[in-house]
Each structure stands twice: as C-alpha cells, then as structure tokens.
Amino acid sequence: MMMNKGGMAGMMKQMQVMQQKMDKIQNDLEARSFDFESGGGMVKVTANGKQRITSIKIDPQLIADNDIEMLEDLIVAAVNKAVDETGKISQEEMKKAYAGVMPNIPGMDKLF
C-alpha cells in the first residue's frame, strides 16, 4: 500500500510533535526528584526521573555500629528501589508522549 504525499507529510508532522513531547518529558523527568529509603529510613536515596542517583544519606548510627555488611545491603536496596521506581515513572511518562499522536502505527503501543 503506497502512501500519498499528504499522508506522508501528516505522518512526519506527527513524528515531529511526538519528538517535541518526548524532549519535554525527558527534560521534565531530569528536573524532578524522587526519594527512596531502606532500613526504615536509615539509608535515603534521591534520584531524578532519568534514573540518576543525586544523593545518598546514611544514618550516622549505621556507621557507629560498624556493621559494614548491613550498610552495604541497605544502600543496594535503596538504590535498586530508586532505579526500579524511576524507571517505571519514566516509562509511564514516555507512553503519554505516544498516546494519541501515532495511534495507527502498528507496534507503537509495545515500545515502552
């Protein structure tokens, strides 16, 4: 099936709109901040919406207890939670960029 010039131009316009939405979402996600914790708040991790860790706070009692293994486990747990959750948030926001812009292209709903 061949697409006429008008159809191709329309699709190109839709793609430009979608790219603009995606760029805006990416910028918005990078500017947002999300907090996560483990060990009942003994380790707190802050991440942005682009899955980048921006800070880690450790309760001084963990260091005073000299329990390095527990500290390591709590850091890993908090970081993993941050990465998992910000990944889900990012994915949902990117789906919004596609919603309604290119609904008739097969497979677009499976990109994210």
Protein backbone atom coordinates (compact mmCIF):
# COMPACT_ATOMS: atom_id res chain seq x y z
CA MET A 1 0.00 0.00 0.00
CA MET A 2 1.51 3.33 -1.03
CA MET A 3 1.07 6.47 0.99
CA ASN A 4 0.29 9.70 -0.83
CA LYS A 5 2.32 12.87 -0.22
CA GLY A 6 -0.31 14.31 2.11
CA GLY A 7 -0.30 11.15 4.20
CA MET A 8 3.50 11.12 4.44
CA ALA A 9 3.59 14.81 5.37
CA GLY A 10 0.96 14.21 8.03
CA MET A 11 2.93 11.33 9.47
CA MET A 12 6.12 13.43 9.51
CA LYS A 13 4.26 16.18 11.35
CA GLN A 14 3.00 13.65 13.91
CA MET A 15 6.55 12.40 14.40
CA GLN A 16 7.80 15.97 14.98
CA VAL A 17 5.06 16.57 17.54
CA MET A 18 5.91 13.30 19.26
CA GLN A 19 9.63 14.17 19.34
CA GLN A 20 8.86 17.55 20.88
CA LYS A 21 6.70 15.88 23.54
CA MET A 22 9.43 13.32 24.26
CA ASP A 23 12.07 16.05 24.61
CA LYS A 24 9.86 17.97 27.03
CA ILE A 25 9.14 14.85 29.06
CA GLN A 26 12.85 13.99 29.23
CA ASN A 27 13.66 17.50 30.47
CA ASP A 28 10.83 17.39 33.00
CA LEU A 29 11.95 13.99 34.28
CA GLU A 30 15.51 15.17 34.73
CA ALA A 31 14.28 18.13 36.78
CA ARG A 32 12.06 16.00 39.07
CA SER A 33 13.35 14.49 42.29
CA PHE A 34 12.18 11.28 43.99
CA ASP A 35 13.13 9.98 47.45
CA PHE A 36 13.50 6.33 48.41
CA GLU A 37 14.67 4.61 51.56
CA SER A 38 15.59 1.31 53.10
CA GLY A 39 16.10 0.07 56.64
CA GLY A 40 13.23 2.14 57.95
CA GLY A 41 14.84 5.33 56.70
CA MET A 42 18.39 4.53 57.77
CA VAL A 43 19.51 4.91 54.14
CA LYS A 44 17.83 7.52 51.94
CA VAL A 45 18.43 7.81 48.22
CA THR A 46 17.31 10.64 45.98
CA ALA A 47 17.08 10.10 42.23
CA ASN A 48 15.84 12.13 39.30
CA GLY A 49 13.35 10.89 36.73
CA LYS A 50 16.15 9.86 34.38
CA GLN A 51 17.25 7.17 36.83
CA ARG A 52 20.29 9.08 38.10
CA ILE A 53 21.12 8.95 41.79
CA THR A 54 21.55 12.53 43.02
CA SER A 55 22.23 11.91 46.71
CA ILE A 56 22.58 9.24 49.37
CA LYS A 57 22.07 9.94 53.09
CA ILE A 58 23.15 7.44 55.74
CA ASP A 59 22.01 7.48 59.36
CA PRO A 60 25.17 8.05 61.45
CA GLN A 61 24.11 5.21 63.76
CA LEU A 62 24.79 2.72 60.95
CA ILE A 63 28.39 3.89 60.82
CA ALA A 64 28.70 3.97 64.63
CA ASP A 65 27.52 0.36 64.76
CA ASN A 66 30.35 -0.54 62.36
CA ASP A 67 28.09 -3.02 60.55
CA ILE A 68 29.52 -2.57 57.06
CA GLU A 69 27.63 -5.54 55.60
CA MET A 70 24.26 -4.17 56.74
CA LEU A 71 25.17 -0.71 55.43
CA GLU A 72 26.11 -2.13 52.05
CA ASP A 73 22.88 -4.15 51.87
CA LEU A 74 20.75 -1.12 52.77
CA ILE A 75 22.48 1.06 50.17
CA VAL A 76 21.98 -1.56 47.48
CA ALA A 77 18.30 -1.98 48.45
CA ALA A 78 17.61 1.77 48.39
CA VAL A 79 19.46 2.32 45.10
CA ASN A 80 17.68 -0.62 43.44
CA LYS A 81 14.32 0.71 44.62
CA ALA A 82 15.19 4.16 43.22
CA VAL A 83 16.27 2.77 39.85
CA ASP A 84 13.24 0.47 39.56
CA GLU A 85 10.67 3.09 40.52
CA THR A 86 12.13 5.94 38.47
CA GLY A 87 12.30 3.55 35.51
CA LYS A 88 8.58 2.86 35.87
CA ILE A 89 7.81 6.56 36.18
CA SER A 90 9.89 7.35 33.09
CA GLN A 91 8.22 4.60 31.11
CA GLU A 92 4.73 5.83 32.01
CA GLU A 93 5.61 9.41 31.07
CA MET A 94 7.02 8.30 27.71
CA LYS A 95 3.85 6.33 26.97
CA LYS A 96 1.96 9.60 27.37
CA ALA A 97 4.08 11.13 24.60
CA TYR A 98 2.84 8.46 22.20
CA ALA A 99 -0.79 8.50 23.32
CA GLY A 100 -2.97 9.94 20.63
CA VAL A 101 -0.09 11.12 18.45
CA MET A 102 0.54 7.98 16.44
CA PRO A 103 -2.20 5.53 17.40
CA ASN A 104 -2.45 3.88 14.00
CA ILE A 105 1.13 2.71 13.58
CA PRO A 106 1.43 -1.00 14.42
CA GLY A 107 3.69 -1.79 17.34
CA MET A 108 3.87 1.73 18.80
CA ASP A 109 2.00 0.56 21.88
CA LYS A 110 4.71 -2.02 22.54
CA LEU A 111 7.70 0.36 22.50
CA PHE A 112 7.51 1.03 26.22
